[in-house]
Amino acid sequence: MCSMKLCFINYGNNVHSERWLDFFVERGHEVHSITDQTGPNLPGVSCHSWVPVSRLPKLGTVQAAHCVRRIMGRIQPDLVHAIVAGTPGLLGALSGHHPFVISVLGSDVLSSAGAYDRWLDRVLKPLALRQADLIIAQSNNLLGAIQRFGLEKVPQR
């Protein structure tokens, strides 16, 4: 089997992220995790932090995006996978790296869960989703939620 260099952008304390990371580590891939924390302490995973050092919150996302691009420049991943369409998805989209995958989990894209309560989310989440080469959704309900943005090339299972 050919080993790949994978880069996940995710929230640090997320069981879904840990499952993805474990899955690929167990199959012999080089796995990197860029998180908002020190990252999950998982064997075989190289952890990096996107946390900005700015005290100005408005600059936080810009600094985080720059940090992610810098980390990816060092890693040179074969694939980037954001776990959720929120901040991880946005940072993945702003990295400009392809192939780029986003896994949506529910509360990040379902209006009924408050995914678009903030005006910024109504702008940035669709932008992130449109930049993805592949979107992974675990249910028809989630597929419908992302298709409302005109994302017609969502694979059906």
N, C-alpha and C. Protein backbone atom coordinates (compact mmCIF):
# COMPACT_ATOMS: atom_id res chain seq x y z
N MET A 1 0.84 -1.19 0.00
CA MET A 1 0.00 0.00 0.00
C MET A 1 0.88 1.25 0.00
N CYS A 2 0.47 2.25 -0.73
CA CYS A 2 1.20 3.50 -0.81
C CYS A 2 0.81 4.40 0.36
N SER A 3 1.79 4.88 1.08
CA SER A 3 1.52 5.74 2.23
C SER A 3 1.33 7.18 1.77
N MET A 4 0.40 7.87 2.40
CA MET A 4 0.15 9.27 2.07
C MET A 4 0.44 10.14 3.28
N LYS A 5 0.67 11.41 2.98
CA LYS A 5 0.86 12.43 4.01
C LYS A 5 -0.44 13.21 4.11
N LEU A 6 -1.15 13.04 5.24
CA LEU A 6 -2.47 13.63 5.42
C LEU A 6 -2.44 14.72 6.47
N CYS A 7 -3.16 15.79 6.20
CA CYS A 7 -3.25 16.90 7.14
C CYS A 7 -4.71 17.15 7.47
N PHE A 8 -5.05 17.00 8.75
CA PHE A 8 -6.41 17.26 9.22
C PHE A 8 -6.44 18.60 9.93
N ILE A 9 -7.47 19.38 9.66
CA ILE A 9 -7.70 20.63 10.38
C ILE A 9 -8.96 20.37 11.20
N ASN A 10 -8.83 20.46 12.52
CA ASN A 10 -9.93 20.03 13.37
C ASN A 10 -9.86 20.71 14.73
N TYR A 11 -10.98 20.58 15.46
CA TYR A 11 -10.99 21.02 16.85
C TYR A 11 -10.31 19.93 17.68
N GLY A 12 -9.52 20.33 18.66
CA GLY A 12 -8.71 19.39 19.43
C GLY A 12 -9.47 18.35 20.21
N ASN A 13 -10.53 18.73 20.87
CA ASN A 13 -11.29 17.77 21.68
C ASN A 13 -12.54 17.34 20.92
N ASN A 14 -12.36 16.47 19.95
CA ASN A 14 -13.48 16.04 19.12
C ASN A 14 -13.32 14.55 18.84
N VAL A 15 -14.26 13.77 19.30
CA VAL A 15 -14.17 12.32 19.13
C VAL A 15 -14.17 11.93 17.65
N HIS A 16 -14.87 12.68 16.82
CA HIS A 16 -14.91 12.38 15.39
C HIS A 16 -13.52 12.56 14.77
N SER A 17 -12.84 13.63 15.17
CA SER A 17 -11.48 13.86 14.68
C SER A 17 -10.57 12.72 15.09
N GLU A 18 -10.66 12.33 16.35
CA GLU A 18 -9.79 11.26 16.84
C GLU A 18 -10.02 9.97 16.07
N ARG A 19 -11.26 9.69 15.70
CA ARG A 19 -11.55 8.48 14.93
C ARG A 19 -10.92 8.54 13.54
N TRP A 20 -11.04 9.69 12.89
CA TRP A 20 -10.42 9.85 11.57
C TRP A 20 -8.91 9.68 11.68
N LEU A 21 -8.30 10.36 12.64
CA LEU A 21 -6.84 10.31 12.80
C LEU A 21 -6.38 8.88 13.07
N ASP A 22 -7.02 8.20 14.02
CA ASP A 22 -6.67 6.81 14.34
C ASP A 22 -6.78 5.90 13.12
N PHE A 23 -7.86 6.07 12.37
CA PHE A 23 -8.10 5.23 11.19
C PHE A 23 -6.90 5.28 10.25
N PHE A 24 -6.42 6.47 9.95
CA PHE A 24 -5.33 6.60 8.98
C PHE A 24 -3.96 6.27 9.56
N VAL A 25 -3.75 6.52 10.83
CA VAL A 25 -2.50 6.12 11.47
C VAL A 25 -2.38 4.60 11.44
N GLU A 26 -3.47 3.90 11.76
CA GLU A 26 -3.47 2.44 11.78
C GLU A 26 -3.17 1.85 10.41
N ARG A 27 -3.42 2.60 9.37
CA ARG A 27 -3.16 2.12 8.01
C ARG A 27 -1.80 2.57 7.48
N GLY A 28 -0.98 3.14 8.36
CA GLY A 28 0.40 3.45 8.01
C GLY A 28 0.64 4.79 7.34
N HIS A 29 -0.34 5.68 7.36
CA HIS A 29 -0.15 6.99 6.74
C HIS A 29 0.51 7.95 7.71
N GLU A 30 1.18 8.95 7.17
CA GLU A 30 1.74 10.03 7.99
C GLU A 30 0.60 11.02 8.24
N VAL A 31 0.25 11.21 9.51
CA VAL A 31 -0.93 12.01 9.87
C VAL A 31 -0.53 13.23 10.68
N HIS A 32 -1.00 14.39 10.23
CA HIS A 32 -0.79 15.65 10.93
C HIS A 32 -2.15 16.22 11.30
N SER A 33 -2.22 16.85 12.47
CA SER A 33 -3.45 17.47 12.95
C SER A 33 -3.14 18.92 13.29
N ILE A 34 -3.86 19.84 12.65
CA ILE A 34 -3.74 21.26 12.98
C ILE A 34 -5.00 21.63 13.74
N THR A 35 -4.85 22.00 15.01
CA THR A 35 -6.01 22.22 15.87
C THR A 35 -5.96 23.57 16.57
N ASP A 36 -7.05 23.84 17.29
CA ASP A 36 -7.17 25.06 18.08
C ASP A 36 -6.57 24.89 19.47
N GLN A 37 -6.01 23.73 19.74
CA GLN A 37 -5.43 23.44 21.05
C GLN A 37 -4.08 22.77 20.85
N THR A 38 -3.58 22.16 21.88
CA THR A 38 -2.34 21.42 21.74
C THR A 38 -2.55 20.16 20.93
N GLY A 39 -3.80 19.80 20.70
CA GLY A 39 -4.12 18.67 19.85
C GLY A 39 -4.32 17.39 20.63
N PRO A 40 -4.92 16.43 19.96
CA PRO A 40 -5.14 15.15 20.63
C PRO A 40 -3.80 14.45 20.83
N ASN A 41 -3.64 13.83 21.96
CA ASN A 41 -2.40 13.11 22.26
C ASN A 41 -2.54 11.69 21.75
N LEU A 42 -2.47 11.52 20.45
CA LEU A 42 -2.64 10.22 19.83
C LEU A 42 -1.33 9.73 19.25
N PRO A 43 -0.98 8.48 19.52
CA PRO A 43 0.26 7.94 18.94
C PRO A 43 0.22 8.01 17.43
N GLY A 44 1.31 8.43 16.84
CA GLY A 44 1.43 8.47 15.39
C GLY A 44 0.90 9.74 14.75
N VAL A 45 0.39 10.68 15.55
CA VAL A 45 -0.15 11.93 15.00
C VAL A 45 0.76 13.09 15.38
N SER A 46 1.21 13.83 14.38
CA SER A 46 1.99 15.05 14.63
C SER A 46 1.02 16.20 14.78
N CYS A 47 1.03 16.84 15.95
CA CYS A 47 0.07 17.90 16.24
C CYS A 47 0.68 19.28 16.08
N HIS A 48 -0.11 20.17 15.52
CA HIS A 48 0.27 21.57 15.30
C HIS A 48 -0.91 22.43 15.77
N SER A 49 -0.65 23.67 16.14
CA SER A 49 -1.71 24.55 16.63
C SER A 49 -1.89 25.73 15.69
N TRP A 50 -3.17 26.08 15.42
CA TRP A 50 -3.45 27.26 14.60
C TRP A 50 -3.70 28.48 15.47
N VAL A 51 -3.63 28.35 16.78
CA VAL A 51 -4.03 29.41 17.69
C VAL A 51 -3.22 30.68 17.43
N PRO A 52 -3.90 31.77 17.10
CA PRO A 52 -3.20 33.03 16.85
C PRO A 52 -2.70 33.65 18.16
N VAL A 53 -1.68 34.46 18.04
CA VAL A 53 -1.12 35.11 19.22
C VAL A 53 -1.65 36.53 19.41
N SER A 54 -2.52 36.98 18.52
CA SER A 54 -3.04 38.34 18.57
C SER A 54 -4.03 38.51 19.72
N ARG A 55 -4.01 39.68 20.30
CA ARG A 55 -5.01 40.02 21.31
C ARG A 55 -6.21 40.70 20.67
N LEU A 56 -6.13 40.91 19.37
CA LEU A 56 -7.23 41.53 18.64
C LEU A 56 -8.06 40.44 17.97
N PRO A 57 -9.23 40.12 18.53
CA PRO A 57 -10.01 38.99 18.01
C PRO A 57 -10.34 39.08 16.54
N LYS A 58 -10.52 40.27 16.00
CA LYS A 58 -10.87 40.41 14.59
C LYS A 58 -9.74 39.93 13.69
N LEU A 59 -8.52 39.97 14.19
CA LEU A 59 -7.39 39.51 13.40
C LEU A 59 -7.10 38.03 13.62
N GLY A 60 -7.78 37.41 14.55
CA GLY A 60 -7.52 36.02 14.90
C GLY A 60 -7.64 35.07 13.74
N THR A 61 -8.71 35.18 12.95
CA THR A 61 -8.91 34.27 11.83
C THR A 61 -7.85 34.50 10.76
N VAL A 62 -7.51 35.74 10.51
CA VAL A 62 -6.47 36.06 9.52
C VAL A 62 -5.14 35.46 9.96
N GLN A 63 -4.80 35.64 11.23
CA GLN A 63 -3.55 35.08 11.74
C GLN A 63 -3.59 33.55 11.73
N ALA A 64 -4.72 32.97 12.10
CA ALA A 64 -4.84 31.52 12.09
C ALA A 64 -4.66 30.97 10.67
N ALA A 65 -5.26 31.65 9.68
CA ALA A 65 -5.13 31.22 8.29
C ALA A 65 -3.67 31.29 7.84
N HIS A 66 -2.98 32.34 8.23
CA HIS A 66 -1.56 32.46 7.89
C HIS A 66 -0.76 31.34 8.55
N CYS A 67 -1.08 31.05 9.80
CA CYS A 67 -0.40 29.98 10.54
C CYS A 67 -0.63 28.62 9.86
N VAL A 68 -1.85 28.34 9.46
CA VAL A 68 -2.17 27.08 8.79
C VAL A 68 -1.41 26.97 7.47
N ARG A 69 -1.38 28.04 6.71
CA ARG A 69 -0.64 28.02 5.43
C ARG A 69 0.84 27.75 5.66
N ARG A 70 1.40 28.34 6.70
CA ARG A 70 2.82 28.15 7.02
C ARG A 70 3.08 26.69 7.42
N ILE A 71 2.22 26.14 8.26
CA ILE A 71 2.37 24.74 8.68
C ILE A 71 2.26 23.81 7.47
N MET A 72 1.28 24.06 6.62
CA MET A 72 1.11 23.22 5.43
C MET A 72 2.30 23.33 4.48
N GLY A 73 2.91 24.50 4.45
CA GLY A 73 4.10 24.67 3.63
C GLY A 73 5.23 23.77 4.10
N ARG A 74 5.32 23.57 5.41
CA ARG A 74 6.34 22.67 5.95
C ARG A 74 5.96 21.21 5.74
N ILE A 75 4.69 20.89 5.93
CA ILE A 75 4.24 19.49 5.84
C ILE A 75 4.20 19.01 4.39
N GLN A 76 3.72 19.85 3.49
CA GLN A 76 3.49 19.48 2.09
C GLN A 76 2.58 18.23 1.99
N PRO A 77 1.33 18.34 2.51
CA PRO A 77 0.45 17.16 2.53
C PRO A 77 -0.05 16.76 1.15
N ASP A 78 -0.38 15.49 1.04
CA ASP A 78 -1.00 14.98 -0.18
C ASP A 78 -2.49 15.32 -0.21
N LEU A 79 -3.08 15.51 0.98
CA LEU A 79 -4.51 15.79 1.09
C LEU A 79 -4.77 16.56 2.38
N VAL A 80 -5.69 17.51 2.31
CA VAL A 80 -6.11 18.28 3.50
C VAL A 80 -7.57 17.95 3.76
N HIS A 81 -7.88 17.64 5.03
CA HIS A 81 -9.24 17.24 5.42
C HIS A 81 -9.66 18.07 6.62
N ALA A 82 -10.66 18.93 6.43
CA ALA A 82 -11.22 19.72 7.53
C ALA A 82 -12.39 18.95 8.12
N ILE A 83 -12.37 18.82 9.44
CA ILE A 83 -13.48 18.13 10.10
C ILE A 83 -14.37 19.20 10.70
N VAL A 84 -15.43 19.51 10.05
CA VAL A 84 -16.51 20.48 10.22
C VAL A 84 -16.29 21.67 9.30
N ALA A 85 -17.41 22.27 8.93
CA ALA A 85 -17.39 23.37 7.96
C ALA A 85 -17.11 24.72 8.61
N GLY A 86 -17.10 24.80 9.93
CA GLY A 86 -16.86 26.07 10.62
C GLY A 86 -15.43 26.55 10.43
N THR A 87 -14.78 26.89 11.51
CA THR A 87 -13.42 27.41 11.44
C THR A 87 -12.46 26.45 10.75
N PRO A 88 -12.46 25.14 11.07
CA PRO A 88 -11.55 24.25 10.34
C PRO A 88 -11.79 24.27 8.83
N GLY A 89 -13.05 24.27 8.41
CA GLY A 89 -13.35 24.33 6.98
C GLY A 89 -12.88 25.63 6.35
N LEU A 90 -13.11 26.72 7.04
CA LEU A 90 -12.67 28.01 6.52
C LEU A 90 -11.14 28.06 6.40
N LEU A 91 -10.44 27.59 7.43
CA LEU A 91 -8.98 27.61 7.39
C LEU A 91 -8.45 26.71 6.27
N GLY A 92 -9.10 25.58 6.06
CA GLY A 92 -8.71 24.71 4.95
C GLY A 92 -8.93 25.38 3.61
N ALA A 93 -10.07 26.05 3.47
CA ALA A 93 -10.38 26.74 2.22
C ALA A 93 -9.38 27.87 1.97
N LEU A 94 -9.05 28.62 3.01
CA LEU A 94 -8.11 29.73 2.86
C LEU A 94 -6.68 29.27 2.63
N SER A 95 -6.39 28.01 2.94
CA SER A 95 -5.03 27.49 2.71
C SER A 95 -4.74 27.39 1.23
N GLY A 96 -5.79 27.23 0.43
CA GLY A 96 -5.61 27.10 -1.01
C GLY A 96 -5.09 25.73 -1.43
N HIS A 97 -4.98 24.81 -0.50
CA HIS A 97 -4.43 23.49 -0.81
C HIS A 97 -5.51 22.57 -1.38
N HIS A 98 -5.14 21.81 -2.39
CA HIS A 98 -6.04 20.81 -2.98
C HIS A 98 -5.25 19.54 -3.22
N PRO A 99 -5.87 18.38 -3.10
CA PRO A 99 -7.27 18.18 -2.81
C PRO A 99 -7.62 18.55 -1.37
N PHE A 100 -8.85 19.06 -1.25
CA PHE A 100 -9.36 19.55 0.01
C PHE A 100 -10.73 18.92 0.28
N VAL A 101 -10.85 18.28 1.44
CA VAL A 101 -12.05 17.56 1.84
C VAL A 101 -12.63 18.20 3.10
N ILE A 102 -13.95 18.29 3.17
CA ILE A 102 -14.61 18.72 4.41
C ILE A 102 -15.60 17.63 4.82
N SER A 103 -15.55 17.22 6.08
CA SER A 103 -16.57 16.35 6.65
C SER A 103 -17.53 17.23 7.45
N VAL A 104 -18.81 17.17 7.11
CA VAL A 104 -19.81 17.90 7.88
C VAL A 104 -20.43 16.92 8.87
N LEU A 105 -20.70 17.41 10.07
CA LEU A 105 -21.15 16.52 11.14
C LEU A 105 -22.58 16.79 11.59
N GLY A 106 -23.13 17.93 11.27
CA GLY A 106 -24.51 18.23 11.67
C GLY A 106 -24.67 19.66 12.12
N SER A 107 -24.26 19.94 13.34
CA SER A 107 -24.47 21.28 13.88
C SER A 107 -23.68 22.34 13.11
N ASP A 108 -22.72 21.92 12.30
CA ASP A 108 -21.96 22.88 11.51
C ASP A 108 -22.69 23.32 10.24
N VAL A 109 -23.72 22.57 9.80
CA VAL A 109 -24.44 22.93 8.57
C VAL A 109 -25.96 22.94 8.69
N LEU A 110 -26.50 22.45 9.79
CA LEU A 110 -27.95 22.41 9.93
C LEU A 110 -28.49 23.71 10.53
N SER A 111 -29.35 24.37 9.80
CA SER A 111 -29.96 25.62 10.29
C SER A 111 -30.70 25.38 11.59
N SER A 112 -31.34 24.23 11.71
CA SER A 112 -32.10 23.92 12.92
C SER A 112 -31.20 23.80 14.15
N ALA A 113 -29.90 23.60 13.94
CA ALA A 113 -28.94 23.50 15.04
C ALA A 113 -28.21 24.83 15.27
N GLY A 114 -28.65 25.87 14.55
CA GLY A 114 -28.05 27.19 14.74
C GLY A 114 -26.78 27.43 13.95
N ALA A 115 -26.56 26.64 12.90
CA ALA A 115 -25.32 26.74 12.13
C ALA A 115 -25.13 28.10 11.45
N TYR A 116 -26.22 28.83 11.21
CA TYR A 116 -26.12 30.10 10.48
C TYR A 116 -26.71 31.26 11.27
N ASP A 117 -26.71 31.14 12.57
CA ASP A 117 -27.25 32.21 13.40
C ASP A 117 -26.44 33.50 13.28
N ARG A 118 -25.14 33.36 13.15
CA ARG A 118 -24.27 34.54 12.99
C ARG A 118 -24.16 34.88 11.51
N TRP A 119 -24.20 36.15 11.17
CA TRP A 119 -24.13 36.54 9.77
C TRP A 119 -22.83 36.08 9.13
N LEU A 120 -21.75 36.06 9.92
CA LEU A 120 -20.45 35.64 9.39
C LEU A 120 -20.49 34.17 8.94
N ASP A 121 -21.21 33.33 9.69
CA ASP A 121 -21.34 31.92 9.31
C ASP A 121 -22.13 31.77 8.01
N ARG A 122 -23.11 32.65 7.80
CA ARG A 122 -23.91 32.58 6.57
C ARG A 122 -23.06 32.90 5.34
N VAL A 123 -21.97 33.61 5.54
CA VAL A 123 -21.07 33.96 4.44
C VAL A 123 -19.91 32.97 4.32
N LEU A 124 -19.27 32.67 5.46
CA LEU A 124 -18.02 31.92 5.42
C LEU A 124 -18.19 30.41 5.25
N LYS A 125 -19.21 29.82 5.84
CA LYS A 125 -19.38 28.37 5.70
C LYS A 125 -19.66 27.97 4.24
N PRO A 126 -20.58 28.67 3.56
CA PRO A 126 -20.77 28.33 2.14
C PRO A 126 -19.49 28.53 1.32
N LEU A 127 -18.73 29.56 1.64
CA LEU A 127 -17.46 29.78 0.94
C LEU A 127 -16.54 28.59 1.13
N ALA A 128 -16.41 28.12 2.35
CA ALA A 128 -15.55 26.96 2.65
C ALA A 128 -16.06 25.73 1.91
N LEU A 129 -17.37 25.49 1.95
CA LEU A 129 -17.93 24.31 1.29
C LEU A 129 -17.72 24.34 -0.21
N ARG A 130 -17.81 25.51 -0.80
CA ARG A 130 -17.61 25.62 -2.26
C ARG A 130 -16.16 25.38 -2.67
N GLN A 131 -15.23 25.59 -1.77
CA GLN A 131 -13.82 25.36 -2.08
C GLN A 131 -13.43 23.90 -1.98
N ALA A 132 -14.26 23.09 -1.33
CA ALA A 132 -13.93 21.68 -1.13
C ALA A 132 -14.03 20.89 -2.43
N ASP A 133 -13.10 19.97 -2.60
CA ASP A 133 -13.15 19.05 -3.73
C ASP A 133 -14.10 17.89 -3.44
N LEU A 134 -14.30 17.61 -2.16
CA LEU A 134 -15.19 16.55 -1.73
C LEU A 134 -15.78 16.94 -0.39
N ILE A 135 -17.08 16.68 -0.23
CA ILE A 135 -17.74 16.91 1.05
C ILE A 135 -18.29 15.57 1.52
N ILE A 136 -17.96 15.21 2.74
CA ILE A 136 -18.42 13.95 3.30
C ILE A 136 -19.56 14.25 4.27
N ALA A 137 -20.70 13.64 4.02
CA ALA A 137 -21.88 13.80 4.87
C ALA A 137 -22.43 12.41 5.18
N GLN A 138 -22.84 12.19 6.41
CA GLN A 138 -23.27 10.87 6.84
C GLN A 138 -24.77 10.61 6.72
N SER A 139 -25.53 11.58 6.22
CA SER A 139 -26.97 11.35 6.11
C SER A 139 -27.55 12.19 4.98
N ASN A 140 -28.73 11.79 4.52
CA ASN A 140 -29.43 12.56 3.49
C ASN A 140 -29.83 13.93 4.01
N ASN A 141 -30.11 14.03 5.30
CA ASN A 141 -30.44 15.31 5.91
C ASN A 141 -29.26 16.29 5.77
N LEU A 142 -28.05 15.81 6.04
CA LEU A 142 -26.86 16.66 5.89
C LEU A 142 -26.60 16.99 4.43
N LEU A 143 -26.82 16.02 3.54
CA LEU A 143 -26.65 16.29 2.10
C LEU A 143 -27.59 17.40 1.66
N GLY A 144 -28.84 17.35 2.12
CA GLY A 144 -29.80 18.40 1.78
C GLY A 144 -29.39 19.75 2.30
N ALA A 145 -28.81 19.77 3.50
CA ALA A 145 -28.38 21.03 4.10
C ALA A 145 -27.26 21.69 3.30
N ILE A 146 -26.36 20.90 2.75
CA ILE A 146 -25.26 21.51 1.98
C ILE A 146 -25.65 21.75 0.53
N GLN A 147 -26.60 20.99 0.01
CA GLN A 147 -27.04 21.20 -1.36
C GLN A 147 -27.80 22.50 -1.52
N ARG A 148 -28.31 23.04 -0.44
CA ARG A 148 -29.04 24.31 -0.54
C ARG A 148 -28.13 25.46 -0.96
N PHE A 149 -26.82 25.24 -0.90
CA PHE A 149 -25.87 26.26 -1.35
C PHE A 149 -25.49 26.08 -2.81
N GLY A 150 -26.22 25.22 -3.50
CA GLY A 150 -25.93 25.00 -4.91
C GLY A 150 -24.79 24.04 -5.13
N LEU A 151 -24.46 23.26 -4.13
CA LEU A 151 -23.39 22.29 -4.26
C LEU A 151 -23.98 21.01 -4.83
N GLU A 152 -24.04 20.93 -6.15
CA GLU A 152 -24.73 19.83 -6.82
C GLU A 152 -23.87 18.59 -6.96
N LYS A 153 -22.58 18.73 -6.82
CA LYS A 153 -21.69 17.59 -7.05
C LYS A 153 -21.41 16.81 -5.78
N VAL A 154 -22.37 16.80 -4.88
CA VAL A 154 -22.21 16.05 -3.63
C VAL A 154 -22.53 14.59 -3.94
N PRO A 155 -21.59 13.69 -3.68
CA PRO A 155 -21.84 12.27 -3.98
C PRO A 155 -22.94 11.70 -3.11
N GLN A 156 -23.79 10.89 -3.70
CA GLN A 156 -24.84 10.20 -2.96
C GLN A 156 -24.33 8.81 -2.59
N ARG A 157 -24.74 8.32 -1.44
CA ARG A 157 -24.34 6.97 -1.02
C ARG A 157 -25.47 6.00 -1.28
